[in-house]
Amino acid sequence: MKLKLKIWRQKNGADAGAMVDYDLDNVSPDMSFLEMLDTLNEKLILDGDDPVAFDHDCREGICGSCGVVINGEAHGPEQTTACQLHMRAFSDGEEIIIEPWRAAPFPVIKDLVVNRSAFDRIIGAGGYITAPTGSAPEGNSTRIPKPDADEAFANATCIGCGACVAACPNGSASLFVSAKVTHLNLLPQGQPERTTRVLDMVEQMDAEGFGGCTNTGMCTVSCPKEIPFVSIANLNKEYRRAVKSGRKA
């Protein structure tokens, strides 16, 4: 395959940045999208140019490190991570536009790499659970209704990649926060901090500058782990409950 690439290049956070054109030949349809970028970088290095910086780690769709906007879509044309997107999803001779996540709380560090530590601070605001630990308990010692267990597990699959923020026209992190809140608030272990958790995480989300949710649904369309949209409704319900309780540590 021959491709025409338009890639966002930016030296650092203070640089204005610009789109730069590249031509890349001999791209295998079986390459992952990140392997295609690796191939481009090998060519750039041999030509004496600076390689394109991009985030990656496990390359198995698990860690949430990779994240780019491809032709205007977070992670590209398929509902998966960029590392699991293969070049057979594109056509020979196609022009591909590659940009970093576009959201104020995710400032660009270099090229396609953005600072997603805002997510870490939201997680930190949620704190820890005070349920006693120790040796692994017997599997059936704490009974959990299967619908609750299934919903908690579905939300726990969130990998924190930030695609929901990048896809949202408001730059909202509501799907991310709702996944974390729903996951713990459904389980017995999460009950002691149920009220303070949702209040603190929503407060931190707002402090980071994420936009509000207006129910466009673009977050769930782009989420590689298919976090359900109803989780945001659960977050709103939990938040109203917490505010009404008037308890905040």
C-alpha atoms as a PDB file:
ATOM      1  CA  MET A   1       0.000   0.000   0.000  1.00  0.00           C
ATOM      2  CA  LYS A   2       1.018   3.595  -0.653  1.00  0.00           C
ATOM      3  CA  LEU A   3      -0.250   6.209   1.775  1.00  0.00           C
ATOM      4  CA  LYS A   4      -0.288   9.970   2.020  1.00  0.00           C
ATOM      5  CA  LEU A   5       0.053  10.984   5.665  1.00  0.00           C
ATOM      6  CA  LYS A   6      -0.719  14.374   7.168  1.00  0.00           C
ATOM      7  CA  ILE A   7       0.659  14.334  10.712  1.00  0.00           C
ATOM      8  CA  TRP A   8       0.566  16.973  13.430  1.00  0.00           C
ATOM      9  CA  ARG A   9       4.134  17.971  14.350  1.00  0.00           C
ATOM     10  CA  GLN A  10       4.793  20.085  17.430  1.00  0.00           C
ATOM     11  CA  LYS A  11       8.187  20.432  19.102  1.00  0.00           C
ATOM     12  CA  ASN A  12       6.817  21.140  22.580  1.00  0.00           C
ATOM     13  CA  GLY A  13       3.878  22.643  24.441  1.00  0.00           C
ATOM     14  CA  ALA A  14       4.961  26.194  23.591  1.00  0.00           C
ATOM     15  CA  ASP A  15       5.339  25.533  19.865  1.00  0.00           C
ATOM     16  CA  ALA A  16       2.454  26.463  17.549  1.00  0.00           C
ATOM     17  CA  GLY A  17       2.686  23.188  15.646  1.00  0.00           C
ATOM     18  CA  ALA A  18       1.548  22.391  12.095  1.00  0.00           C
ATOM     19  CA  MET A  19       0.453  19.557   9.838  1.00  0.00           C
ATOM     20  CA  VAL A  20       3.296  17.973   7.850  1.00  0.00           C
ATOM     21  CA  ASP A  21       2.887  15.788   4.747  1.00  0.00           C
ATOM     22  CA  TYR A  22       4.633  12.438   4.317  1.00  0.00           C
ATOM     23  CA  ASP A  23       4.485   9.777   1.603  1.00  0.00           C
ATOM     24  CA  LEU A  24       4.916   6.174   2.769  1.00  0.00           C
ATOM     25  CA  ASP A  25       5.262   3.161   0.476  1.00  0.00           C
ATOM     26  CA  ASN A  26       5.271  -0.601   1.039  1.00  0.00           C
ATOM     27  CA  VAL A  27       2.785  -0.562   3.903  1.00  0.00           C
ATOM     28  CA  SER A  28       1.449  -4.046   4.621  1.00  0.00           C
ATOM     29  CA  PRO A  29      -2.316  -4.334   5.209  1.00  0.00           C
ATOM     30  CA  ASP A  30      -1.443  -6.621   8.133  1.00  0.00           C
ATOM     31  CA  MET A  31       0.506  -3.910   9.960  1.00  0.00           C
ATOM     32  CA  SER A  32      -1.077  -2.290  12.968  1.00  0.00           C
ATOM     33  CA  PHE A  33      -1.463   1.474  12.811  1.00  0.00           C
ATOM     34  CA  LEU A  34       1.410   1.911  15.263  1.00  0.00           C
ATOM     35  CA  GLU A  35       3.622  -0.409  13.206  1.00  0.00           C
ATOM     36  CA  MET A  36       2.909   1.832  10.233  1.00  0.00           C
ATOM     37  CA  LEU A  37       4.107   4.802  12.310  1.00  0.00           C
ATOM     38  CA  ASP A  38       7.184   2.775  13.293  1.00  0.00           C
ATOM     39  CA  THR A  39       7.921   2.247   9.598  1.00  0.00           C
ATOM     40  CA  LEU A  40       7.565   5.964   8.932  1.00  0.00           C
ATOM     41  CA  ASN A  41       9.896   6.765  11.820  1.00  0.00           C
ATOM     42  CA  GLU A  42      12.539   4.348  10.508  1.00  0.00           C
ATOM     43  CA  LYS A  43      12.410   6.218   7.214  1.00  0.00           C
ATOM     44  CA  LEU A  44      12.611   9.614   8.940  1.00  0.00           C
ATOM     45  CA  ILE A  45      15.608   8.553  11.040  1.00  0.00           C
ATOM     46  CA  LEU A  46      17.454   7.252   7.969  1.00  0.00           C
ATOM     47  CA  ASP A  47      16.722  10.567   6.257  1.00  0.00           C
ATOM     48  CA  GLY A  48      18.107  12.465   9.248  1.00  0.00           C
ATOM     49  CA  ASP A  49      14.744  13.824  10.354  1.00  0.00           C
ATOM     50  CA  ASP A  50      13.137  13.833  13.802  1.00  0.00           C
ATOM     51  CA  PRO A  51      10.815  10.816  14.255  1.00  0.00           C
ATOM     52  CA  VAL A  52       7.157  11.346  15.092  1.00  0.00           C
ATOM     53  CA  ALA A  53       6.562  11.075  18.840  1.00  0.00           C
ATOM     54  CA  PHE A  54       3.519   9.021  19.832  1.00  0.00           C
ATOM     55  CA  ASP A  55       2.357   7.233  22.993  1.00  0.00           C
ATOM     56  CA  HIS A  56       2.417   3.431  23.178  1.00  0.00           C
ATOM     57  CA  ASP A  57       3.176   0.631  25.601  1.00  0.00           C
ATOM     58  CA  CYS A  58       1.531  -2.809  25.567  1.00  0.00           C
ATOM     59  CA  ARG A  59       0.241  -2.619  21.972  1.00  0.00           C
ATOM     60  CA  GLU A  60      -2.432  -5.139  22.952  1.00  0.00           C
ATOM     61  CA  GLY A  61      -5.359  -2.789  23.556  1.00  0.00           C
ATOM     62  CA  ILE A  62      -5.026  -3.106  27.329  1.00  0.00           C
ATOM     63  CA  CYS A  63      -2.936  -0.276  28.766  1.00  0.00           C
ATOM     64  CA  GLY A  64      -4.677   2.761  27.246  1.00  0.00           C
ATOM     65  CA  SER A  65      -1.391   4.482  26.352  1.00  0.00           C
ATOM     66  CA  CYS A  66      -1.889   4.849  22.620  1.00  0.00           C
ATOM     67  CA  GLY A  67      -4.303   7.450  21.409  1.00  0.00           C
ATOM     68  CA  VAL A  68      -4.497   9.529  18.244  1.00  0.00           C
ATOM     69  CA  VAL A  69      -7.251  11.087  16.174  1.00  0.00           C
ATOM     70  CA  ILE A  70      -7.305   9.441  12.755  1.00  0.00           C
ATOM     71  CA  ASN A  71      -9.263  11.183   9.992  1.00  0.00           C
ATOM     72  CA  GLY A  72     -11.263  13.009  12.639  1.00  0.00           C
ATOM     73  CA  GLU A  73     -12.112   9.904  14.674  1.00  0.00           C
ATOM     74  CA  ALA A  74     -10.614   8.972  18.028  1.00  0.00           C
ATOM     75  CA  HIS A  75      -8.573   5.774  17.473  1.00  0.00           C
ATOM     76  CA  GLY A  76      -9.730   5.681  13.843  1.00  0.00           C
ATOM     77  CA  PRO A  77     -12.544   4.088  11.813  1.00  0.00           C
ATOM     78  CA  GLU A  78     -13.009   1.000  14.012  1.00  0.00           C
ATOM     79  CA  GLN A  79     -14.110   0.810  17.657  1.00  0.00           C
ATOM     80  CA  THR A  80     -10.754  -0.328  18.977  1.00  0.00           C
ATOM     81  CA  THR A  81      -7.463   1.152  20.143  1.00  0.00           C
ATOM     82  CA  ALA A  82      -4.994   2.565  17.617  1.00  0.00           C
ATOM     83  CA  CYS A  83      -2.589  -0.291  18.371  1.00  0.00           C
ATOM     84  CA  GLN A  84      -5.244  -2.837  17.418  1.00  0.00           C
ATOM     85  CA  LEU A  85      -6.315  -0.978  14.280  1.00  0.00           C
ATOM     86  CA  HIS A  86      -4.823  -2.591  11.175  1.00  0.00           C
ATOM     87  CA  MET A  87      -3.943  -0.924   7.904  1.00  0.00           C
ATOM     88  CA  ARG A  88      -6.404  -3.102   6.007  1.00  0.00           C
ATOM     89  CA  ALA A  89      -9.008  -0.660   7.330  1.00  0.00           C
ATOM     90  CA  PHE A  90      -7.599   1.863   4.825  1.00  0.00           C
ATOM     91  CA  SER A  91      -7.303   1.911   1.043  1.00  0.00           C
ATOM     92  CA  ASP A  92      -4.237   2.011  -1.151  1.00  0.00           C
ATOM     93  CA  GLY A  93      -3.396   5.642  -1.943  1.00  0.00           C
ATOM     94  CA  GLU A  94      -5.608   6.987   0.839  1.00  0.00           C
ATOM     95  CA  GLU A  95      -4.766  10.203   2.657  1.00  0.00           C
ATOM     96  CA  ILE A  96      -4.710   9.739   6.434  1.00  0.00           C
ATOM     97  CA  ILE A  97      -4.803  12.704   8.784  1.00  0.00           C
ATOM     98  CA  ILE A  98      -3.258  11.991  12.203  1.00  0.00           C
ATOM     99  CA  GLU A  99      -3.631  14.360  15.156  1.00  0.00           C
ATOM    100  CA  PRO A 100      -3.255  14.221  18.947  1.00  0.00           C
ATOM    101  CA  TRP A 101      -6.199  14.227  21.347  1.00  0.00           C
ATOM    102  CA  ARG A 102      -7.732  17.712  21.178  1.00  0.00           C
ATOM    103  CA  ALA A 103      -8.820  18.843  24.651  1.00  0.00           C
ATOM    104  CA  ALA A 104      -7.593  21.645  26.898  1.00  0.00           C
ATOM    105  CA  PRO A 105      -6.964  19.304  29.868  1.00  0.00           C
ATOM    106  CA  PHE A 106      -4.751  17.159  27.577  1.00  0.00           C
ATOM    107  CA  PRO A 107      -1.984  19.593  26.541  1.00  0.00           C
ATOM    108  CA  VAL A 108       0.373  18.456  23.797  1.00  0.00           C
ATOM    109  CA  ILE A 109       3.849  17.462  25.008  1.00  0.00           C
ATOM    110  CA  LYS A 110       5.292  16.705  21.566  1.00  0.00           C
ATOM    111  CA  ASP A 111       3.736  15.753  18.225  1.00  0.00           C
ATOM    112  CA  LEU A 112       1.027  13.165  19.018  1.00  0.00           C
ATOM    113  CA  VAL A 113       1.897  12.809  22.720  1.00  0.00           C
ATOM    114  CA  VAL A 114      -0.413  14.547  25.185  1.00  0.00           C
ATOM    115  CA  ASN A 115      -0.318  14.895  28.963  1.00  0.00           C
ATOM    116  CA  ARG A 116      -3.206  12.845  30.385  1.00  0.00           C
ATOM    117  CA  SER A 117      -2.242  13.280  34.035  1.00  0.00           C
ATOM    118  CA  ALA A 118      -5.595  15.025  34.579  1.00  0.00           C
ATOM    119  CA  PHE A 119      -7.082  11.521  34.606  1.00  0.00           C
ATOM    120  CA  ASP A 120      -4.584  10.480  37.272  1.00  0.00           C
ATOM    121  CA  ARG A 121      -5.613  13.393  39.465  1.00  0.00           C
ATOM    122  CA  ILE A 122      -9.278  12.457  39.097  1.00  0.00           C
ATOM    123  CA  ILE A 123      -8.467   8.889  40.136  1.00  0.00           C
ATOM    124  CA  GLY A 124      -6.423  10.223  43.043  1.00  0.00           C
ATOM    125  CA  ALA A 125      -9.336  12.368  44.165  1.00  0.00           C
ATOM    126  CA  GLY A 126     -11.449   9.222  44.383  1.00  0.00           C
ATOM    127  CA  GLY A 127      -9.085   7.891  47.045  1.00  0.00           C
ATOM    128  CA  TYR A 128      -8.845   4.342  48.332  1.00  0.00           C
ATOM    129  CA  ILE A 129     -11.361   1.918  49.746  1.00  0.00           C
ATOM    130  CA  THR A 130     -11.217   1.269  53.490  1.00  0.00           C
ATOM    131  CA  ALA A 131     -12.428  -2.319  53.246  1.00  0.00           C
ATOM    132  CA  PRO A 132      -9.932  -4.501  55.128  1.00  0.00           C
ATOM    133  CA  THR A 133      -7.676  -6.599  52.942  1.00  0.00           C
ATOM    134  CA  GLY A 134      -5.305  -9.428  53.781  1.00  0.00           C
ATOM    135  CA  SER A 135      -5.468 -12.902  52.313  1.00  0.00           C
ATOM    136  CA  ALA A 136      -7.861 -13.547  49.444  1.00  0.00           C
ATOM    137  CA  PRO A 137     -11.379 -14.168  50.793  1.00  0.00           C
ATOM    138  CA  GLU A 138     -13.430 -17.179  49.828  1.00  0.00           C
ATOM    139  CA  GLY A 139     -15.110 -16.458  46.518  1.00  0.00           C
ATOM    140  CA  ASN A 140     -18.697 -16.732  47.758  1.00  0.00           C
ATOM    141  CA  SER A 141     -18.239 -15.107  51.167  1.00  0.00           C
ATOM    142  CA  THR A 142     -19.608 -11.775  49.904  1.00  0.00           C
ATOM    143  CA  ARG A 143     -22.753 -12.229  47.852  1.00  0.00           C
ATOM    144  CA  ILE A 144     -23.132  -9.780  44.966  1.00  0.00           C
ATOM    145  CA  PRO A 145     -26.177  -9.856  42.646  1.00  0.00           C
ATOM    146  CA  LYS A 146     -25.110 -10.948  39.176  1.00  0.00           C
ATOM    147  CA  PRO A 147     -26.549  -7.855  37.414  1.00  0.00           C
ATOM    148  CA  ASP A 148     -24.465  -5.657  39.727  1.00  0.00           C
ATOM    149  CA  ALA A 149     -21.353  -7.779  39.199  1.00  0.00           C
ATOM    150  CA  ASP A 150     -21.815  -7.709  35.419  1.00  0.00           C
ATOM    151  CA  GLU A 151     -22.315  -3.941  35.331  1.00  0.00           C
ATOM    152  CA  ALA A 152     -19.351  -3.340  37.644  1.00  0.00           C
ATOM    153  CA  PHE A 153     -17.145  -5.518  35.446  1.00  0.00           C
ATOM    154  CA  ALA A 154     -18.305  -3.766  32.270  1.00  0.00           C
ATOM    155  CA  ASN A 155     -17.282  -0.404  33.740  1.00  0.00           C
ATOM    156  CA  ALA A 156     -14.038  -1.760  35.184  1.00  0.00           C
ATOM    157  CA  THR A 157     -12.818  -2.491  31.654  1.00  0.00           C
ATOM    158  CA  CYS A 158     -12.194   1.245  31.094  1.00  0.00           C
ATOM    159  CA  ILE A 159      -8.497   1.660  30.224  1.00  0.00           C
ATOM    160  CA  GLY A 160      -8.389   5.450  30.618  1.00  0.00           C
ATOM    161  CA  CYS A 161      -7.190   6.105  27.073  1.00  0.00           C
ATOM    162  CA  GLY A 162      -9.070   9.404  26.766  1.00  0.00           C
ATOM    163  CA  ALA A 163     -10.864   8.630  23.501  1.00  0.00           C
ATOM    164  CA  CYS A 164     -14.148   9.671  25.105  1.00  0.00           C
ATOM    165  CA  VAL A 165     -12.741  13.142  25.785  1.00  0.00           C
ATOM    166  CA  ALA A 166     -11.217  13.458  22.317  1.00  0.00           C
ATOM    167  CA  ALA A 167     -14.476  12.413  20.621  1.00  0.00           C
ATOM    168  CA  CYS A 168     -16.755  14.633  22.711  1.00  0.00           C
ATOM    169  CA  PRO A 169     -17.483  18.048  21.153  1.00  0.00           C
ATOM    170  CA  ASN A 170     -17.414  19.465  24.688  1.00  0.00           C
ATOM    171  CA  GLY A 171     -14.254  17.669  25.792  1.00  0.00           C
ATOM    172  CA  SER A 172     -16.184  15.979  28.594  1.00  0.00           C
ATOM    173  CA  ALA A 173     -14.664  13.288  30.811  1.00  0.00           C
ATOM    174  CA  SER A 174     -18.065  12.135  32.076  1.00  0.00           C
ATOM    175  CA  LEU A 175     -17.806   8.633  30.589  1.00  0.00           C
ATOM    176  CA  PHE A 176     -14.392   8.060  32.164  1.00  0.00           C
ATOM    177  CA  VAL A 177     -15.485   9.312  35.586  1.00  0.00           C
ATOM    178  CA  SER A 178     -18.787   7.458  35.416  1.00  0.00           C
ATOM    179  CA  ALA A 179     -16.985   4.182  34.668  1.00  0.00           C
ATOM    180  CA  LYS A 180     -14.766   4.569  37.732  1.00  0.00           C
ATOM    181  CA  VAL A 181     -17.607   5.648  40.013  1.00  0.00           C
ATOM    182  CA  THR A 182     -20.045   2.986  38.791  1.00  0.00           C
ATOM    183  CA  HIS A 183     -17.446   0.226  39.071  1.00  0.00           C
ATOM    184  CA  LEU A 184     -16.791   0.815  42.775  1.00  0.00           C
ATOM    185  CA  ASN A 185     -20.182   2.126  43.879  1.00  0.00           C
ATOM    186  CA  LEU A 186     -21.929  -1.067  42.776  1.00  0.00           C
ATOM    187  CA  LEU A 187     -19.727  -3.303  44.911  1.00  0.00           C
ATOM    188  CA  PRO A 188     -19.801  -3.818  48.691  1.00  0.00           C
ATOM    189  CA  GLN A 189     -16.136  -2.843  48.945  1.00  0.00           C
ATOM    190  CA  GLY A 190     -16.913   0.596  47.577  1.00  0.00           C
ATOM    191  CA  GLN A 191     -19.736   1.508  49.932  1.00  0.00           C
ATOM    192  CA  PRO A 192     -17.832   3.245  52.788  1.00  0.00           C
ATOM    193  CA  GLU A 193     -16.593   6.032  50.459  1.00  0.00           C
ATOM    194  CA  ARG A 194     -19.544   5.977  48.078  1.00  0.00           C
ATOM    195  CA  THR A 195     -20.637   9.549  48.813  1.00  0.00           C
ATOM    196  CA  THR A 196     -17.251  11.246  49.100  1.00  0.00           C
ATOM    197  CA  ARG A 197     -15.890   9.405  46.058  1.00  0.00           C
ATOM    198  CA  VAL A 198     -18.398  10.779  43.580  1.00  0.00           C
ATOM    199  CA  LEU A 199     -18.300  14.301  45.029  1.00  0.00           C
ATOM    200  CA  ASP A 200     -14.503  14.468  45.001  1.00  0.00           C
ATOM    201  CA  MET A 201     -14.073  12.951  41.539  1.00  0.00           C
ATOM    202  CA  VAL A 202     -16.664  15.213  39.913  1.00  0.00           C
ATOM    203  CA  GLU A 203     -15.151  18.237  41.671  1.00  0.00           C
ATOM    204  CA  GLN A 204     -11.692  17.311  40.365  1.00  0.00           C
ATOM    205  CA  MET A 205     -13.064  16.693  36.855  1.00  0.00           C
ATOM    206  CA  ASP A 206     -14.506  20.201  36.824  1.00  0.00           C
ATOM    207  CA  ALA A 207     -11.301  21.684  38.255  1.00  0.00           C
ATOM    208  CA  GLU A 208      -9.283  20.112  35.434  1.00  0.00           C
ATOM    209  CA  GLY A 209     -11.341  22.017  32.874  1.00  0.00           C
ATOM    210  CA  PHE A 210     -13.238  19.184  31.200  1.00  0.00           C
ATOM    211  CA  GLY A 211     -16.492  20.206  29.535  1.00  0.00           C
ATOM    212  CA  GLY A 212     -19.969  19.202  30.542  1.00  0.00           C
ATOM    213  CA  CYS A 213     -21.906  16.288  29.077  1.00  0.00           C
ATOM    214  CA  THR A 214     -24.717  17.184  26.668  1.00  0.00           C
ATOM    215  CA  ASN A 215     -25.613  13.580  25.775  1.00  0.00           C
ATOM    216  CA  THR A 216     -24.231  13.547  22.228  1.00  0.00           C
ATOM    217  CA  GLY A 217     -23.143   9.927  22.726  1.00  0.00           C
ATOM    218  CA  MET A 218     -19.889  10.358  20.784  1.00  0.00           C
ATOM    219  CA  CYS A 219     -17.940   9.090  23.789  1.00  0.00           C
ATOM    220  CA  THR A 220     -19.470   5.623  23.699  1.00  0.00           C
ATOM    221  CA  VAL A 221     -19.111   5.406  19.920  1.00  0.00           C
ATOM    222  CA  SER A 222     -15.348   5.906  20.201  1.00  0.00           C
ATOM    223  CA  CYS A 223     -14.763   3.947  23.434  1.00  0.00           C
ATOM    224  CA  PRO A 224     -12.665   0.861  22.585  1.00  0.00           C
ATOM    225  CA  LYS A 225     -14.050  -0.957  25.636  1.00  0.00           C
ATOM    226  CA  GLU A 226     -17.678  -0.024  24.878  1.00  0.00           C
ATOM    227  CA  ILE A 227     -18.402   1.530  28.276  1.00  0.00           C
ATOM    228  CA  PRO A 228     -22.216   1.880  28.248  1.00  0.00           C
ATOM    229  CA  PHE A 229     -23.726   5.345  27.920  1.00  0.00           C
ATOM    230  CA  VAL A 230     -26.063   4.577  30.835  1.00  0.00           C
ATOM    231  CA  SER A 231     -23.026   4.873  33.116  1.00  0.00           C
ATOM    232  CA  ILE A 232     -23.210   8.657  32.748  1.00  0.00           C
ATOM    233  CA  ALA A 233     -26.821   8.548  33.947  1.00  0.00           C
ATOM    234  CA  ASN A 234     -25.594   6.475  36.889  1.00  0.00           C
ATOM    235  CA  LEU A 235     -22.944   9.098  37.641  1.00  0.00           C
ATOM    236  CA  ASN A 236     -25.547  11.859  37.647  1.00  0.00           C
ATOM    237  CA  LYS A 237     -27.784   9.805  39.925  1.00  0.00           C
ATOM    238  CA  GLU A 238     -24.929   9.079  42.321  1.00  0.00           C
ATOM    239  CA  TYR A 239     -23.915  12.738  42.345  1.00  0.00           C
ATOM    240  CA  ARG A 240     -27.448  13.943  43.121  1.00  0.00           C
ATOM    241  CA  ARG A 241     -27.696  11.341  45.876  1.00  0.00           C
ATOM    242  CA  ALA A 242     -24.371  12.456  47.359  1.00  0.00           C
ATOM    243  CA  VAL A 243     -25.282  16.150  47.263  1.00  0.00           C
ATOM    244  CA  LYS A 244     -28.639  15.432  48.868  1.00  0.00           C
ATOM    245  CA  SER A 245     -26.992  13.445  51.677  1.00  0.00           C
ATOM    246  CA  GLY A 246     -24.941  16.473  52.616  1.00  0.00           C
ATOM    247  CA  ARG A 247     -22.064  14.281  53.781  1.00  0.00           C
ATOM    248  CA  LYS A 248     -18.548  15.089  52.604  1.00  0.00           C
ATOM    249  CA  ALA A 249     -15.390  14.156  54.469  1.00  0.00           C
END
